C-alpha atoms as a PDB file:
ATOM      1  CA  MET A   1      17.834 -11.920  -1.360  1.00  0.00           C
ATOM      2  CA  LEU A   2      15.678 -10.198  -3.347  1.00  0.00           C
ATOM      3  CA  GLN A   3      16.710  -8.467  -6.692  1.00  0.00           C
ATOM      4  CA  SER A   4      18.094  -5.049  -6.858  1.00  0.00           C
ATOM      5  CA  PHE A   5      16.707  -4.428 -10.276  1.00  0.00           C
ATOM      6  CA  HIS A   6      14.901  -5.723 -13.282  1.00  0.00           C
ATOM      7  CA  THR A   7      16.376  -3.868 -16.062  1.00  0.00           C
ATOM      8  CA  ARG A   8      19.778  -2.824 -15.816  1.00  0.00           C
ATOM      9  CA  GLY A   9      20.331   0.644 -16.179  1.00  0.00           C
ATOM     10  CA  LEU A  10      17.061   1.581 -16.246  1.00  0.00           C
ATOM     11  CA  ILE A  11      15.438   4.144 -13.326  1.00  0.00           C
ATOM     12  CA  GLU A  12      13.354   2.080 -12.110  1.00  0.00           C
ATOM     13  CA  ALA A  13       9.951   2.726  -9.312  1.00  0.00           C
ATOM     14  CA  GLY A  14       9.101   0.148  -7.687  1.00  0.00           C
ATOM     15  CA  CYS A  15       5.262  -0.245  -6.979  1.00  0.00           C
ATOM     16  CA  ASP A  16       2.755  -1.335  -4.363  1.00  0.00           C
ATOM     17  CA  GLU A  17      -0.479  -0.928  -2.253  1.00  0.00           C
ATOM     18  CA  VAL A  18      -2.347  -1.898   0.555  1.00  0.00           C
ATOM     19  CA  GLY A  19      -5.314  -1.920   2.001  1.00  0.00           C
ATOM     20  CA  ARG A  20      -7.590  -3.744  -0.973  1.00  0.00           C
ATOM     21  CA  GLY A  21      -9.791  -6.102   1.439  1.00  0.00           C
ATOM     22  CA  CYS A  22     -10.345  -4.051   4.162  1.00  0.00           C
ATOM     23  CA  LEU A  23     -13.832  -2.445   5.093  1.00  0.00           C
ATOM     24  CA  ALA A  24     -12.369   1.191   6.265  1.00  0.00           C
ATOM     25  CA  GLY A  25     -10.109   3.793   5.794  1.00  0.00           C
ATOM     26  CA  PRO A  26      -8.011   4.745   2.313  1.00  0.00           C
ATOM     27  CA  VAL A  27      -6.097   2.617  -0.072  1.00  0.00           C
ATOM     28  CA  VAL A  28      -2.335   3.694   0.213  1.00  0.00           C
ATOM     29  CA  ALA A  29       0.031   3.231  -2.814  1.00  0.00           C
ATOM     30  CA  ALA A  30       4.191   3.860  -2.490  1.00  0.00           C
ATOM     31  CA  ALA A  31       6.610   4.170  -4.943  1.00  0.00           C
ATOM     32  CA  VAL A  32      10.106   3.788  -4.071  1.00  0.00           C
ATOM     33  CA  ILE A  33      13.370   4.088  -6.742  1.00  0.00           C
ATOM     34  CA  LEU A  34      16.182   2.427  -5.053  1.00  0.00           C
ATOM     35  CA  PRO A  35      19.828   3.044  -5.475  1.00  0.00           C
ATOM     36  CA  PRO A  36      21.556   1.011  -8.325  1.00  0.00           C
ATOM     37  CA  GLU A  37      22.437  -2.541  -6.541  1.00  0.00           C
ATOM     38  CA  PHE A  38      20.441  -1.276  -3.481  1.00  0.00           C
ATOM     39  CA  VAL A  39      20.354  -4.380  -1.098  1.00  0.00           C
ATOM     40  CA  HIS A  40      19.771  -4.992   2.405  1.00  0.00           C
ATOM     41  CA  GLU A  41      18.294  -8.794   3.841  1.00  0.00           C
ATOM     42  CA  ASP A  42      15.223  -7.186   5.571  1.00  0.00           C
ATOM     43  CA  ILE A  43      14.179  -5.060   2.671  1.00  0.00           C
ATOM     44  CA  ARG A  44      11.316  -7.611   2.112  1.00  0.00           C
ATOM     45  CA  ASP A  45       7.569  -8.381   1.900  1.00  0.00           C
ATOM     46  CA  SER A  46       5.947  -5.767   4.669  1.00  0.00           C
ATOM     47  CA  LYS A  47       4.106  -8.603   5.696  1.00  0.00           C
ATOM     48  CA  THR A  48       6.587 -11.165   6.732  1.00  0.00           C
ATOM     49  CA  LEU A  49       8.340  -7.936   8.866  1.00  0.00           C
ATOM     50  CA  SER A  50       7.587  -7.697  12.784  1.00  0.00           C
ATOM     51  CA  LEU A  51       6.078  -3.640  13.957  1.00  0.00           C
ATOM     52  CA  GLU A  52       9.312  -3.080  15.488  1.00  0.00           C
ATOM     53  CA  ARG A  53      11.276  -3.795  12.341  1.00  0.00           C
ATOM     54  CA  ARG A  54       8.891  -2.856   9.223  1.00  0.00           C
ATOM     55  CA  ASN A  55       9.372   0.522  11.328  1.00  0.00           C
ATOM     56  CA  GLU A  56      12.952   0.598  11.344  1.00  0.00           C
ATOM     57  CA  MET A  57      13.011  -0.472   7.518  1.00  0.00           C
ATOM     58  CA  ASP A  58      10.295   2.516   6.811  1.00  0.00           C
ATOM     59  CA  LEU A  59      12.770   5.066   8.581  1.00  0.00           C
ATOM     60  CA  LEU A  60      15.560   3.351   6.306  1.00  0.00           C
ATOM     61  CA  ILE A  61      13.909   3.513   3.007  1.00  0.00           C
ATOM     62  CA  ARG A  62      13.131   7.285   3.603  1.00  0.00           C
ATOM     63  CA  GLU A  63      16.737   8.186   4.256  1.00  0.00           C
ATOM     64  CA  GLN A  64      18.177   5.541   1.513  1.00  0.00           C
ATOM     65  CA  ALA A  65      15.988   5.576  -1.433  1.00  0.00           C
ATOM     66  CA  VAL A  66      16.560   7.751  -4.450  1.00  0.00           C
ATOM     67  CA  ASP A  67      12.668   8.948  -4.307  1.00  0.00           C
ATOM     68  CA  PHE A  68       9.660   7.416  -2.681  1.00  0.00           C
ATOM     69  CA  GLN A  69       6.326   9.232  -2.767  1.00  0.00           C
ATOM     70  CA  ILE A  70       3.407   8.051  -0.909  1.00  0.00           C
ATOM     71  CA  ALA A  71      -0.302   8.750  -1.950  1.00  0.00           C
ATOM     72  CA  GLU A  72      -4.131   7.853  -1.288  1.00  0.00           C
ATOM     73  CA  CYS A  73      -7.378   7.050  -2.489  1.00  0.00           C
ATOM     74  CA  SER A  74     -10.094   8.256   0.322  1.00  0.00           C
ATOM     75  CA  PRO A  75     -12.990   5.672   1.113  1.00  0.00           C
ATOM     76  CA  ARG A  76     -15.264   7.962  -1.015  1.00  0.00           C
ATOM     77  CA  GLU A  77     -12.910   7.359  -4.045  1.00  0.00           C
ATOM     78  CA  ILE A  78     -13.257   3.783  -3.851  1.00  0.00           C
ATOM     79  CA  ASP A  79     -16.943   3.579  -3.740  1.00  0.00           C
ATOM     80  CA  GLU A  80     -17.366   5.990  -6.757  1.00  0.00           C
ATOM     81  CA  LEU A  81     -14.216   4.252  -8.638  1.00  0.00           C
ATOM     82  CA  ASN A  82     -14.289   0.524  -6.999  1.00  0.00           C
ATOM     83  CA  ILE A  83     -11.590  -0.937  -5.296  1.00  0.00           C
ATOM     84  CA  LEU A  84      -9.480  -1.965  -8.115  1.00  0.00           C
ATOM     85  CA  GLN A  85      -9.466   1.506 -10.238  1.00  0.00           C
ATOM     86  CA  ALA A  86      -8.635   3.282  -6.913  1.00  0.00           C
ATOM     87  CA  SER A  87      -5.787   0.922  -6.276  1.00  0.00           C
ATOM     88  CA  PHE A  88      -4.591   2.370  -9.594  1.00  0.00           C
ATOM     89  CA  LYS A  89      -5.493   5.646  -9.199  1.00  0.00           C
ATOM     90  CA  ALA A  90      -3.278   5.962  -5.907  1.00  0.00           C
ATOM     91  CA  MET A  91      -0.401   4.368  -7.387  1.00  0.00           C
ATOM     92  CA  HIS A  92      -0.617   6.959 -10.289  1.00  0.00           C
ATOM     93  CA  ARG A  93      -0.692   9.588  -7.721  1.00  0.00           C
ATOM     94  CA  ALA A  94       2.497   8.110  -5.808  1.00  0.00           C
ATOM     95  CA  VAL A  95       4.398   7.765  -9.157  1.00  0.00           C
ATOM     96  CA  SER A  96       3.497  11.298 -10.327  1.00  0.00           C
ATOM     97  CA  GLY A  97       4.823  12.699  -6.946  1.00  0.00           C
ATOM     98  CA  LEU A  98       7.846  11.338  -7.327  1.00  0.00           C
ATOM     99  CA  LYS A  99      10.774  14.302  -8.473  1.00  0.00           C
ATOM    100  CA  THR A 100      12.742  11.440 -10.359  1.00  0.00           C
ATOM    101  CA  ARG A 101      11.710  10.553 -13.526  1.00  0.00           C
ATOM    102  CA  PRO A 102      11.412   6.768 -13.259  1.00  0.00           C
ATOM    103  CA  GLU A 103      12.194   5.034 -16.879  1.00  0.00           C
ATOM    104  CA  HIS A 104      10.018   2.058 -15.741  1.00  0.00           C
ATOM    105  CA  LEU A 105       7.803   0.881 -13.414  1.00  0.00           C
ATOM    106  CA  LEU A 106       7.690  -2.345 -11.464  1.00  0.00           C
ATOM    107  CA  VAL A 107       4.229  -2.978  -9.839  1.00  0.00           C
ATOM    108  CA  ASP A 108       3.216  -5.897  -7.428  1.00  0.00           C
ATOM    109  CA  GLY A 109       0.479  -8.012  -9.129  1.00  0.00           C
ATOM    110  CA  ASN A 110      -0.758  -8.781 -12.004  1.00  0.00           C
ATOM    111  CA  ARG A 111      -2.595  -5.639 -13.260  1.00  0.00           C
ATOM    112  CA  PHE A 112      -1.644  -2.330 -14.017  1.00  0.00           C
ATOM    113  CA  ALA A 113      -3.305   1.078 -15.392  1.00  0.00           C
ATOM    114  CA  PRO A 114      -0.139   1.987 -18.044  1.00  0.00           C
ATOM    115  CA  ILE A 115       0.716   5.826 -17.342  1.00  0.00           C
ATOM    116  CA  LEU A 116       1.516   7.408 -20.970  1.00  0.00           C
ATOM    117  CA  GLY A 117       5.126   7.225 -22.328  1.00  0.00           C
ATOM    118  CA  LEU A 118       6.243   5.043 -18.898  1.00  0.00           C
ATOM    119  CA  PRO A 119       6.748   1.001 -19.495  1.00  0.00           C
ATOM    120  CA  HIS A 120       5.616  -1.164 -16.790  1.00  0.00           C
ATOM    121  CA  THR A 121       5.828  -4.586 -15.457  1.00  0.00           C
ATOM    122  CA  CYS A 122       3.809  -6.142 -13.645  1.00  0.00           C
ATOM    123  CA  VAL A 123       4.845  -8.895 -11.323  1.00  0.00           C
ATOM    124  CA  VAL A 124       2.710 -11.538  -9.070  1.00  0.00           C
ATOM    125  CA  LYS A 125       4.272 -11.485  -5.579  1.00  0.00           C
ATOM    126  CA  GLY A 126       7.037  -9.089  -6.535  1.00  0.00           C
ATOM    127  CA  ASP A 127       7.028  -7.658  -3.163  1.00  0.00           C
ATOM    128  CA  SER A 128       8.760 -10.952  -2.405  1.00  0.00           C
ATOM    129  CA  LEU A 129      11.534 -11.038  -5.891  1.00  0.00           C
ATOM    130  CA  TYR A 130      12.702  -7.307  -6.334  1.00  0.00           C
ATOM    131  CA  GLN A 131      13.555  -5.003  -3.687  1.00  0.00           C
ATOM    132  CA  SER A 132      11.892  -1.550  -4.888  1.00  0.00           C
ATOM    133  CA  ILE A 133       8.818  -3.037  -4.791  1.00  0.00           C
ATOM    134  CA  ALA A 134       9.307  -4.590  -1.369  1.00  0.00           C
ATOM    135  CA  ALA A 135      10.463  -1.228  -0.274  1.00  0.00           C
ATOM    136  CA  ALA A 136       6.951   0.407  -1.295  1.00  0.00           C
ATOM    137  CA  SER A 137       4.955  -2.706   0.188  1.00  0.00           C
ATOM    138  CA  ILE A 138       7.044  -1.211   3.573  1.00  0.00           C
ATOM    139  CA  LEU A 139       6.253   2.210   3.203  1.00  0.00           C
ATOM    140  CA  ALA A 140       2.610   1.973   2.164  1.00  0.00           C
ATOM    141  CA  LYS A 141       1.692  -0.534   5.331  1.00  0.00           C
ATOM    142  CA  VAL A 142       3.460   1.885   7.765  1.00  0.00           C
ATOM    143  CA  HIS A 143       1.725   4.781   6.326  1.00  0.00           C
ATOM    144  CA  ARG A 144      -1.419   3.244   6.556  1.00  0.00           C
ATOM    145  CA  ASP A 145      -1.299   1.555   9.804  1.00  0.00           C
ATOM    146  CA  ARG A 146      -0.047   4.804  11.445  1.00  0.00           C
ATOM    147  CA  TYR A 147      -2.848   6.244   9.893  1.00  0.00           C
ATOM    148  CA  MET A 148      -5.727   3.800  11.258  1.00  0.00           C
ATOM    149  CA  GLN A 149      -4.199   4.347  14.908  1.00  0.00           C
ATOM    150  CA  GLU A 150      -5.008   7.685  14.951  1.00  0.00           C
ATOM    151  CA  LEU A 151      -8.607   7.420  13.051  1.00  0.00           C
ATOM    152  CA  HIS A 152      -8.761   4.201  16.287  1.00  0.00           C
ATOM    153  CA  GLU A 153      -8.365   6.983  18.750  1.00  0.00           C
ATOM    154  CA  MET A 154     -11.383   8.746  17.067  1.00  0.00           C
ATOM    155  CA  TYR A 155     -13.121   5.357  16.583  1.00  0.00           C
ATOM    156  CA  PRO A 156     -12.190   2.409  19.560  1.00  0.00           C
ATOM    157  CA  ASP A 157     -15.240   0.410  18.833  1.00  0.00           C
ATOM    158  CA  TYR A 158     -13.996  -0.675  15.688  1.00  0.00           C
ATOM    159  CA  SER A 159     -10.502  -2.029  17.488  1.00  0.00           C
ATOM    160  CA  TRP A 160      -8.958  -0.634  14.123  1.00  0.00           C
ATOM    161  CA  ASN A 161      -5.680  -0.733  16.632  1.00  0.00           C
ATOM    162  CA  THR A 162      -5.543  -3.745  15.639  1.00  0.00           C
ATOM    163  CA  ASN A 163      -7.333  -5.172  12.808  1.00  0.00           C
ATOM    164  CA  VAL A 164      -6.285  -1.642  10.778  1.00  0.00           C
ATOM    165  CA  GLY A 165      -9.810  -2.006   8.899  1.00  0.00           C
ATOM    166  CA  TYR A 166     -10.041  -5.234   7.936  1.00  0.00           C
ATOM    167  CA  PRO A 167     -13.417  -7.300   8.119  1.00  0.00           C
ATOM    168  CA  THR A 168     -12.187  -9.415  11.884  1.00  0.00           C
ATOM    169  CA  VAL A 169     -14.786 -10.582  13.727  1.00  0.00           C
ATOM    170  CA  ALA A 170     -14.280  -7.822  16.460  1.00  0.00           C
ATOM    171  CA  HIS A 171     -14.905  -5.155  13.423  1.00  0.00           C
ATOM    172  CA  ARG A 172     -17.440  -6.231  12.136  1.00  0.00           C
ATOM    173  CA  LYS A 173     -19.831  -6.322  15.548  1.00  0.00           C
ATOM    174  CA  ALA A 174     -18.986  -2.764  15.828  1.00  0.00           C
ATOM    175  CA  ILE A 175     -20.486  -2.133  12.785  1.00  0.00           C
ATOM    176  CA  LEU A 176     -23.282  -3.992  13.380  1.00  0.00           C
ATOM    177  CA  GLU A 177     -23.917  -2.971  16.923  1.00  0.00           C
ATOM    178  CA  ILE A 178     -22.687   1.079  16.128  1.00  0.00           C
ATOM    179  CA  GLY A 179     -23.173   1.366  12.150  1.00  0.00           C
ATOM    180  CA  PRO A 180     -20.739   2.716   9.322  1.00  0.00           C
ATOM    181  CA  THR A 181     -18.692   5.410   9.675  1.00  0.00           C
ATOM    182  CA  GLU A 182     -17.654   8.102   7.540  1.00  0.00           C
ATOM    183  CA  HIS A 183     -14.094   6.194   6.674  1.00  0.00           C
ATOM    184  CA  HIS A 184     -16.169   2.312   6.010  1.00  0.00           C
ATOM    185  CA  ARG A 185     -15.985   2.120   2.273  1.00  0.00           C
ATOM    186  CA  LYS A 186     -19.859   1.850   1.899  1.00  0.00           C
ATOM    187  CA  SER A 187     -20.124  -0.107  -1.509  1.00  0.00           C
ATOM    188  CA  PHE A 188     -17.964  -2.912   0.591  1.00  0.00           C
ATOM    189  CA  ARG A 189     -20.301  -5.461   2.250  1.00  0.00           C
ATOM    190  CA  LEU A 190     -19.909  -4.411   5.852  1.00  0.00           C
ATOM    191  CA  LEU A 191     -21.885  -7.028   7.229  1.00  0.00           C
ATOM    192  CA  GLN A 192     -21.605 -10.883   6.621  1.00  0.00           C
ATOM    193  CA  ASP A 193     -24.711 -12.745   5.284  1.00  0.00           C
ATOM    194  CA  THR A 194     -27.303 -14.193   8.277  1.00  0.00           C
ATOM    195  CA  ALA A 195     -29.012 -16.323   6.054  1.00  0.00           C
END
């Protein structure tokens, strides 16, 4: 069972992002404040849940959370900033969108751009250790996957309904044959070196 908090007595928001390694689509971040002592065995790293269970947990989190917010950085912003800075920016947007002001942030990963006046703790593999980070990972992944499904309806050749923008063989083959879309990250290596 994942831990309910890092520092007892503080209003903690868990933060995570998805989509850093994708060739297309936004990077999406979520910030989630769960009730004190909240525990649910299926609130865990979103990648370990089936699609059906992830969608169920997405609904549960939205119903049970004290507060949550989801935010994005577009492919254009990713190209302008770089993916790391865009990930930080998306997380900042999610945190700033919370109606409840957190007193501490739990951030998945080993790096974060501090938010003035808001202490944070980076936790490597935090989505497998803390409920709030896992909840953020679920909200972010469900949101982003649904968005890529919608884009797939307009751009079916790239197989975004299955690869959600990640660099699969089918995705790269479509880029090679058709070219990139406005949703592709032009600063990324869209095609593998053939040499």
